[in-house]
Amino acid sequence: VTKEGNADKPKPQRAQKVKTSYTLTLNGFKEDGGKQIDSSKGIFGDKPFEFYVGTKQVIKGWDLSLLDMREGEARRLIIPSDLGYGSKGAGGSIPPDSTLYFEVELTEIGNMAKLNAQQEQWLADNPL
């Protein structure tokens, strides 16, 4: 944890929308010589990444970590390959079996998704 979150707010629940600010590096964090390969922060400012947490829209390491964070909290995450992209890698920029280094902040916890019966069943059948 590099920045404490809002202790008055609950942690997100599965299928709740979250917004995150992040930077991804390989081979360590930037100050350790890691190579930045992705970031929500560009030359025109931060464009937060939003998704429904705990629904497998992102890598498992992110789902597990963000479900344990509070709004405003920032962390440095070291995500092993089996909780990242595994032996397949991703998009040519992430080689197979890569450890991922993230600096991530949970900038906002939004509304719960309005789930139908099929979606609720999917969540029950697909634990993290």
N, C-alpha and C. Protein backbone atom coordinates (compact mmCIF):
# COMPACT_ATOMS: atom_id res chain seq x y z
N VAL A 1 0.86 -1.18 0.00
CA VAL A 1 0.00 0.00 0.00
C VAL A 1 0.90 1.23 0.00
N THR A 2 0.74 2.08 -1.01
CA THR A 2 1.53 3.31 -1.09
C THR A 2 0.71 4.54 -0.71
N LYS A 3 -0.60 4.39 -0.66
CA LYS A 3 -1.49 5.47 -0.24
C LYS A 3 -2.74 4.84 0.35
N GLU A 4 -3.07 5.24 1.56
CA GLU A 4 -4.26 4.70 2.21
C GLU A 4 -5.52 5.21 1.53
N GLY A 5 -6.53 4.38 1.49
CA GLY A 5 -7.81 4.75 0.91
C GLY A 5 -8.75 5.34 1.96
N ASN A 6 -9.95 5.61 1.55
CA ASN A 6 -10.98 6.20 2.41
C ASN A 6 -11.56 5.11 3.31
N ALA A 7 -11.18 5.13 4.58
CA ALA A 7 -11.62 4.10 5.53
C ALA A 7 -13.13 4.15 5.78
N ASP A 8 -13.77 5.25 5.44
CA ASP A 8 -15.22 5.38 5.64
C ASP A 8 -16.02 4.72 4.53
N LYS A 9 -15.35 4.32 3.46
CA LYS A 9 -16.05 3.71 2.33
C LYS A 9 -15.76 2.21 2.32
N PRO A 10 -16.75 1.41 1.92
CA PRO A 10 -16.54 -0.04 1.85
C PRO A 10 -15.68 -0.42 0.64
N LYS A 11 -15.17 -1.63 0.69
CA LYS A 11 -14.46 -2.19 -0.45
C LYS A 11 -15.49 -2.55 -1.52
N PRO A 12 -15.08 -2.58 -2.79
CA PRO A 12 -16.05 -2.94 -3.83
C PRO A 12 -16.48 -4.39 -3.73
N GLN A 13 -17.64 -4.66 -4.27
CA GLN A 13 -18.17 -6.01 -4.35
C GLN A 13 -18.07 -6.50 -5.80
N ARG A 14 -18.12 -7.80 -5.98
CA ARG A 14 -18.10 -8.35 -7.35
C ARG A 14 -19.24 -7.75 -8.15
N ALA A 15 -18.97 -7.40 -9.39
CA ALA A 15 -19.91 -6.81 -10.34
C ALA A 15 -20.18 -5.33 -10.06
N GLN A 16 -19.32 -4.71 -9.27
CA GLN A 16 -19.45 -3.28 -9.04
C GLN A 16 -18.45 -2.56 -9.95
N LYS A 17 -18.89 -1.45 -10.54
CA LYS A 17 -18.02 -0.70 -11.44
C LYS A 17 -16.94 0.02 -10.63
N VAL A 18 -15.70 -0.06 -11.12
CA VAL A 18 -14.58 0.66 -10.51
C VAL A 18 -13.81 1.41 -11.59
N LYS A 19 -13.15 2.48 -11.17
CA LYS A 19 -12.23 3.21 -12.05
C LYS A 19 -10.85 3.15 -11.43
N THR A 20 -9.86 2.91 -12.29
CA THR A 20 -8.49 2.78 -11.82
C THR A 20 -7.54 3.63 -12.66
N SER A 21 -6.49 4.06 -12.01
CA SER A 21 -5.37 4.71 -12.67
C SER A 21 -4.19 3.77 -12.49
N TYR A 22 -3.45 3.50 -13.57
CA TYR A 22 -2.39 2.49 -13.44
C TYR A 22 -1.23 2.74 -14.39
N THR A 23 -0.12 2.10 -14.05
CA THR A 23 1.03 1.98 -14.94
C THR A 23 1.54 0.55 -14.82
N LEU A 24 1.80 -0.08 -15.95
CA LEU A 24 2.29 -1.45 -16.01
C LEU A 24 3.72 -1.46 -16.55
N THR A 25 4.59 -2.16 -15.83
CA THR A 25 5.96 -2.36 -16.30
C THR A 25 6.30 -3.85 -16.25
N LEU A 26 7.29 -4.22 -17.04
CA LEU A 26 7.84 -5.58 -17.02
C LEU A 26 9.27 -5.52 -16.50
N ASN A 27 9.73 -6.61 -15.93
CA ASN A 27 11.10 -6.75 -15.42
C ASN A 27 11.39 -5.80 -14.26
N GLY A 28 10.40 -5.53 -13.44
CA GLY A 28 10.58 -4.66 -12.27
C GLY A 28 9.85 -3.35 -12.43
N PHE A 29 9.83 -2.57 -11.35
CA PHE A 29 9.25 -1.23 -11.41
C PHE A 29 10.22 -0.31 -12.13
N LYS A 30 9.74 0.86 -12.54
CA LYS A 30 10.56 1.79 -13.34
C LYS A 30 11.92 2.09 -12.71
N GLU A 31 11.92 2.38 -11.40
CA GLU A 31 13.19 2.74 -10.76
C GLU A 31 14.16 1.58 -10.66
N ASP A 32 13.66 0.36 -10.90
CA ASP A 32 14.51 -0.83 -10.90
C ASP A 32 14.90 -1.24 -12.32
N GLY A 33 14.60 -0.39 -13.29
CA GLY A 33 14.93 -0.69 -14.67
C GLY A 33 13.82 -1.36 -15.45
N GLY A 34 12.63 -1.47 -14.85
CA GLY A 34 11.50 -2.06 -15.55
C GLY A 34 11.09 -1.22 -16.75
N LYS A 35 10.54 -1.88 -17.74
CA LYS A 35 10.12 -1.21 -18.97
C LYS A 35 8.61 -0.98 -18.94
N GLN A 36 8.20 0.28 -19.01
CA GLN A 36 6.77 0.61 -19.04
C GLN A 36 6.19 0.17 -20.37
N ILE A 37 5.07 -0.59 -20.29
CA ILE A 37 4.43 -1.03 -21.53
C ILE A 37 2.99 -0.56 -21.65
N ASP A 38 2.42 -0.05 -20.55
CA ASP A 38 1.04 0.44 -20.63
C ASP A 38 0.79 1.37 -19.44
N SER A 39 -0.11 2.32 -19.64
CA SER A 39 -0.46 3.24 -18.56
C SER A 39 -1.75 3.96 -18.91
N SER A 40 -2.52 4.29 -17.89
CA SER A 40 -3.70 5.12 -18.10
C SER A 40 -3.30 6.59 -18.17
N LYS A 41 -2.05 6.87 -17.84
CA LYS A 41 -1.56 8.25 -17.80
C LYS A 41 -0.81 8.56 -19.09
N GLY A 42 -1.35 9.52 -19.84
CA GLY A 42 -0.72 9.91 -21.09
C GLY A 42 -0.34 11.37 -21.07
N ILE A 43 0.11 11.87 -22.20
CA ILE A 43 0.55 13.26 -22.26
C ILE A 43 -0.60 14.25 -22.10
N PHE A 44 -1.83 13.78 -22.29
CA PHE A 44 -2.99 14.65 -22.12
C PHE A 44 -3.72 14.37 -20.80
N GLY A 45 -3.04 13.73 -19.87
CA GLY A 45 -3.62 13.46 -18.55
C GLY A 45 -4.00 12.01 -18.37
N ASP A 46 -4.61 11.75 -17.23
CA ASP A 46 -4.98 10.38 -16.87
C ASP A 46 -6.35 10.05 -17.43
N LYS A 47 -6.44 8.92 -18.10
CA LYS A 47 -7.72 8.42 -18.60
C LYS A 47 -8.01 7.12 -17.83
N PRO A 48 -8.72 7.24 -16.70
CA PRO A 48 -8.95 6.05 -15.87
C PRO A 48 -9.58 4.90 -16.64
N PHE A 49 -9.18 3.71 -16.25
CA PHE A 49 -9.70 2.48 -16.85
C PHE A 49 -10.83 2.00 -15.95
N GLU A 50 -12.01 1.76 -16.54
CA GLU A 50 -13.14 1.32 -15.73
C GLU A 50 -13.67 -0.02 -16.21
N PHE A 51 -14.15 -0.80 -15.24
CA PHE A 51 -14.67 -2.13 -15.52
C PHE A 51 -15.46 -2.62 -14.31
N TYR A 52 -16.14 -3.75 -14.47
CA TYR A 52 -16.87 -4.37 -13.37
C TYR A 52 -15.92 -5.36 -12.69
N VAL A 53 -15.55 -5.06 -11.46
CA VAL A 53 -14.55 -5.85 -10.75
C VAL A 53 -15.11 -7.22 -10.36
N GLY A 54 -14.24 -8.21 -10.38
CA GLY A 54 -14.62 -9.56 -9.97
C GLY A 54 -15.43 -10.32 -10.98
N THR A 55 -15.44 -9.85 -12.24
CA THR A 55 -16.22 -10.52 -13.28
C THR A 55 -15.34 -11.07 -14.41
N LYS A 56 -14.06 -11.16 -14.16
CA LYS A 56 -13.09 -11.70 -15.11
C LYS A 56 -12.95 -10.85 -16.37
N GLN A 57 -13.19 -9.53 -16.24
CA GLN A 57 -12.95 -8.62 -17.36
C GLN A 57 -11.48 -8.22 -17.42
N VAL A 58 -10.75 -8.47 -16.34
CA VAL A 58 -9.32 -8.16 -16.25
C VAL A 58 -8.61 -9.41 -15.73
N ILE A 59 -7.30 -9.32 -15.62
CA ILE A 59 -6.55 -10.47 -15.11
C ILE A 59 -6.94 -10.75 -13.66
N LYS A 60 -6.80 -11.99 -13.26
CA LYS A 60 -7.21 -12.43 -11.93
C LYS A 60 -6.48 -11.67 -10.83
N GLY A 61 -5.21 -11.35 -11.03
CA GLY A 61 -4.45 -10.61 -10.02
C GLY A 61 -5.05 -9.24 -9.75
N TRP A 62 -5.60 -8.61 -10.77
CA TRP A 62 -6.28 -7.32 -10.58
C TRP A 62 -7.59 -7.51 -9.84
N ASP A 63 -8.40 -8.46 -10.28
CA ASP A 63 -9.68 -8.70 -9.60
C ASP A 63 -9.46 -8.94 -8.10
N LEU A 64 -8.55 -9.84 -7.77
CA LEU A 64 -8.31 -10.17 -6.36
C LEU A 64 -7.80 -8.96 -5.57
N SER A 65 -6.90 -8.20 -6.15
CA SER A 65 -6.33 -7.04 -5.46
C SER A 65 -7.35 -5.92 -5.27
N LEU A 66 -8.07 -5.58 -6.33
CA LEU A 66 -9.01 -4.46 -6.26
C LEU A 66 -10.19 -4.74 -5.36
N LEU A 67 -10.60 -5.99 -5.24
CA LEU A 67 -11.69 -6.32 -4.32
C LEU A 67 -11.27 -6.12 -2.86
N ASP A 68 -9.98 -6.00 -2.63
CA ASP A 68 -9.46 -5.80 -1.27
C ASP A 68 -9.05 -4.35 -1.00
N MET A 69 -9.31 -3.46 -1.95
CA MET A 69 -8.90 -2.06 -1.82
C MET A 69 -10.09 -1.16 -1.51
N ARG A 70 -9.77 0.04 -1.01
CA ARG A 70 -10.78 1.06 -0.76
C ARG A 70 -10.57 2.22 -1.74
N GLU A 71 -11.63 2.97 -1.99
CA GLU A 71 -11.53 4.12 -2.88
C GLU A 71 -10.43 5.06 -2.43
N GLY A 72 -9.58 5.47 -3.37
CA GLY A 72 -8.47 6.36 -3.07
C GLY A 72 -7.18 5.63 -2.71
N GLU A 73 -7.25 4.34 -2.50
CA GLU A 73 -6.06 3.56 -2.13
C GLU A 73 -5.18 3.29 -3.35
N ALA A 74 -3.88 3.35 -3.14
CA ALA A 74 -2.91 3.03 -4.19
C ALA A 74 -2.01 1.91 -3.68
N ARG A 75 -1.64 1.03 -4.59
CA ARG A 75 -0.77 -0.09 -4.26
C ARG A 75 0.22 -0.34 -5.38
N ARG A 76 1.30 -0.99 -5.01
CA ARG A 76 2.23 -1.57 -5.97
C ARG A 76 1.95 -3.06 -5.97
N LEU A 77 1.65 -3.59 -7.12
CA LEU A 77 1.32 -5.01 -7.24
C LEU A 77 2.39 -5.72 -8.06
N ILE A 78 2.81 -6.86 -7.56
CA ILE A 78 3.67 -7.76 -8.33
C ILE A 78 2.84 -9.00 -8.58
N ILE A 79 2.43 -9.17 -9.83
CA ILE A 79 1.48 -10.22 -10.18
C ILE A 79 2.21 -11.33 -10.95
N PRO A 80 2.25 -12.52 -10.37
CA PRO A 80 2.91 -13.63 -11.06
C PRO A 80 2.13 -14.04 -12.30
N SER A 81 2.80 -14.72 -13.17
CA SER A 81 2.23 -15.12 -14.46
C SER A 81 0.90 -15.85 -14.33
N ASP A 82 0.77 -16.73 -13.35
CA ASP A 82 -0.47 -17.52 -13.23
C ASP A 82 -1.67 -16.66 -12.82
N LEU A 83 -1.45 -15.45 -12.31
CA LEU A 83 -2.54 -14.52 -12.01
C LEU A 83 -2.60 -13.39 -13.02
N GLY A 84 -1.73 -13.50 -14.05
CA GLY A 84 -1.68 -12.51 -15.12
C GLY A 84 -2.12 -13.13 -16.44
N TYR A 85 -1.20 -13.15 -17.41
CA TYR A 85 -1.54 -13.65 -18.74
C TYR A 85 -1.02 -15.06 -19.01
N GLY A 86 -0.34 -15.65 -18.03
CA GLY A 86 0.07 -17.04 -18.13
C GLY A 86 1.03 -17.33 -19.27
N SER A 87 0.97 -18.56 -19.75
CA SER A 87 1.92 -19.03 -20.76
C SER A 87 1.61 -18.48 -22.15
N LYS A 88 0.48 -17.79 -22.32
CA LYS A 88 0.14 -17.22 -23.62
C LYS A 88 0.69 -15.81 -23.82
N GLY A 89 0.92 -15.08 -22.73
CA GLY A 89 1.30 -13.67 -22.88
C GLY A 89 0.12 -12.88 -23.40
N ALA A 90 0.39 -11.65 -23.88
CA ALA A 90 -0.71 -10.82 -24.37
C ALA A 90 -0.21 -9.79 -25.38
N GLY A 91 -0.88 -9.74 -26.50
CA GLY A 91 -0.71 -8.68 -27.48
C GLY A 91 0.68 -8.43 -28.01
N GLY A 92 1.58 -9.36 -27.87
CA GLY A 92 2.93 -9.15 -28.38
C GLY A 92 3.81 -8.34 -27.46
N SER A 93 3.23 -7.50 -26.60
CA SER A 93 4.06 -6.68 -25.70
C SER A 93 4.30 -7.34 -24.35
N ILE A 94 3.52 -8.38 -24.04
CA ILE A 94 3.71 -9.11 -22.78
C ILE A 94 4.08 -10.54 -23.14
N PRO A 95 5.35 -10.90 -22.96
CA PRO A 95 5.80 -12.25 -23.31
C PRO A 95 5.15 -13.32 -22.42
N PRO A 96 5.14 -14.56 -22.88
CA PRO A 96 4.63 -15.65 -22.06
C PRO A 96 5.35 -15.70 -20.71
N ASP A 97 4.62 -16.12 -19.68
CA ASP A 97 5.15 -16.35 -18.33
C ASP A 97 5.75 -15.10 -17.68
N SER A 98 5.24 -13.92 -18.03
CA SER A 98 5.75 -12.66 -17.47
C SER A 98 5.17 -12.35 -16.10
N THR A 99 6.02 -11.86 -15.22
CA THR A 99 5.58 -11.25 -13.97
C THR A 99 5.26 -9.80 -14.30
N LEU A 100 4.12 -9.31 -13.80
CA LEU A 100 3.64 -7.96 -14.10
C LEU A 100 3.82 -7.06 -12.88
N TYR A 101 4.28 -5.84 -13.13
CA TYR A 101 4.50 -4.87 -12.06
C TYR A 101 3.56 -3.69 -12.30
N PHE A 102 2.61 -3.52 -11.40
CA PHE A 102 1.62 -2.46 -11.54
C PHE A 102 1.74 -1.45 -10.40
N GLU A 103 1.57 -0.20 -10.74
CA GLU A 103 1.27 0.83 -9.77
C GLU A 103 -0.17 1.19 -10.08
N VAL A 104 -1.07 0.94 -9.13
CA VAL A 104 -2.50 1.10 -9.40
C VAL A 104 -3.17 1.85 -8.25
N GLU A 105 -4.11 2.72 -8.62
CA GLU A 105 -4.93 3.42 -7.65
C GLU A 105 -6.39 3.17 -7.98
N LEU A 106 -7.16 2.82 -6.96
CA LEU A 106 -8.60 2.68 -7.12
C LEU A 106 -9.20 4.07 -6.94
N THR A 107 -9.48 4.73 -8.04
CA THR A 107 -9.88 6.13 -8.00
C THR A 107 -11.36 6.32 -7.69
N GLU A 108 -12.18 5.34 -8.04
CA GLU A 108 -13.62 5.51 -7.80
C GLU A 108 -14.31 4.16 -7.75
N ILE A 109 -15.23 4.02 -6.81
CA ILE A 109 -16.11 2.85 -6.76
C ILE A 109 -17.49 3.33 -7.18
N GLY A 110 -18.01 2.73 -8.22
CA GLY A 110 -19.29 3.15 -8.77
C GLY A 110 -20.43 2.26 -8.34
N ASN A 111 -21.44 2.21 -9.17
CA ASN A 111 -22.65 1.46 -8.87
C ASN A 111 -22.47 -0.02 -9.15
N MET A 112 -23.29 -0.81 -8.49
CA MET A 112 -23.36 -2.23 -8.79
C MET A 112 -24.04 -2.40 -10.14
N ALA A 113 -23.62 -3.40 -10.87
CA ALA A 113 -24.31 -3.74 -12.11
C ALA A 113 -25.70 -4.27 -11.76
N LYS A 114 -26.65 -3.99 -12.62
CA LYS A 114 -27.99 -4.56 -12.44
C LYS A 114 -27.96 -5.93 -13.08
N LEU A 115 -27.92 -6.94 -12.24
CA LEU A 115 -27.74 -8.30 -12.71
C LEU A 115 -29.07 -9.01 -12.93
N ASN A 116 -29.13 -9.76 -14.03
CA ASN A 116 -30.28 -10.63 -14.23
C ASN A 116 -29.96 -11.99 -13.60
N ALA A 117 -30.91 -12.89 -13.63
CA ALA A 117 -30.74 -14.20 -12.99
C ALA A 117 -29.57 -14.98 -13.58
N GLN A 118 -29.39 -14.89 -14.89
CA GLN A 118 -28.29 -15.62 -15.54
C GLN A 118 -26.94 -15.07 -15.09
N GLN A 119 -26.82 -13.76 -14.96
CA GLN A 119 -25.56 -13.16 -14.51
C GLN A 119 -25.28 -13.51 -13.04
N GLU A 120 -26.31 -13.48 -12.21
CA GLU A 120 -26.12 -13.87 -10.81
C GLU A 120 -25.66 -15.31 -10.71
N GLN A 121 -26.23 -16.17 -11.54
CA GLN A 121 -25.83 -17.58 -11.55
C GLN A 121 -24.38 -17.71 -12.02
N TRP A 122 -23.99 -16.92 -13.02
CA TRP A 122 -22.61 -16.96 -13.51
C TRP A 122 -21.64 -16.60 -12.38
N LEU A 123 -21.95 -15.55 -11.63
CA LEU A 123 -21.09 -15.16 -10.52
C LEU A 123 -20.99 -16.30 -9.49
N ALA A 124 -22.10 -16.95 -9.21
CA ALA A 124 -22.10 -18.05 -8.26
C ALA A 124 -21.28 -19.24 -8.78
N ASP A 125 -21.36 -19.49 -10.07
CA ASP A 125 -20.65 -20.63 -10.68
C ASP A 125 -19.18 -20.35 -10.98
N ASN A 126 -18.78 -19.09 -10.93
CA ASN A 126 -17.41 -18.71 -11.30
C ASN A 126 -16.73 -17.90 -10.20
N PRO A 127 -16.41 -18.54 -9.08
CA PRO A 127 -15.71 -17.81 -8.02
C PRO A 127 -14.31 -17.40 -8.49
N LEU A 128 -13.76 -16.42 -7.83
CA LEU A 128 -12.40 -15.97 -8.21
C LEU A 128 -11.34 -16.88 -7.66
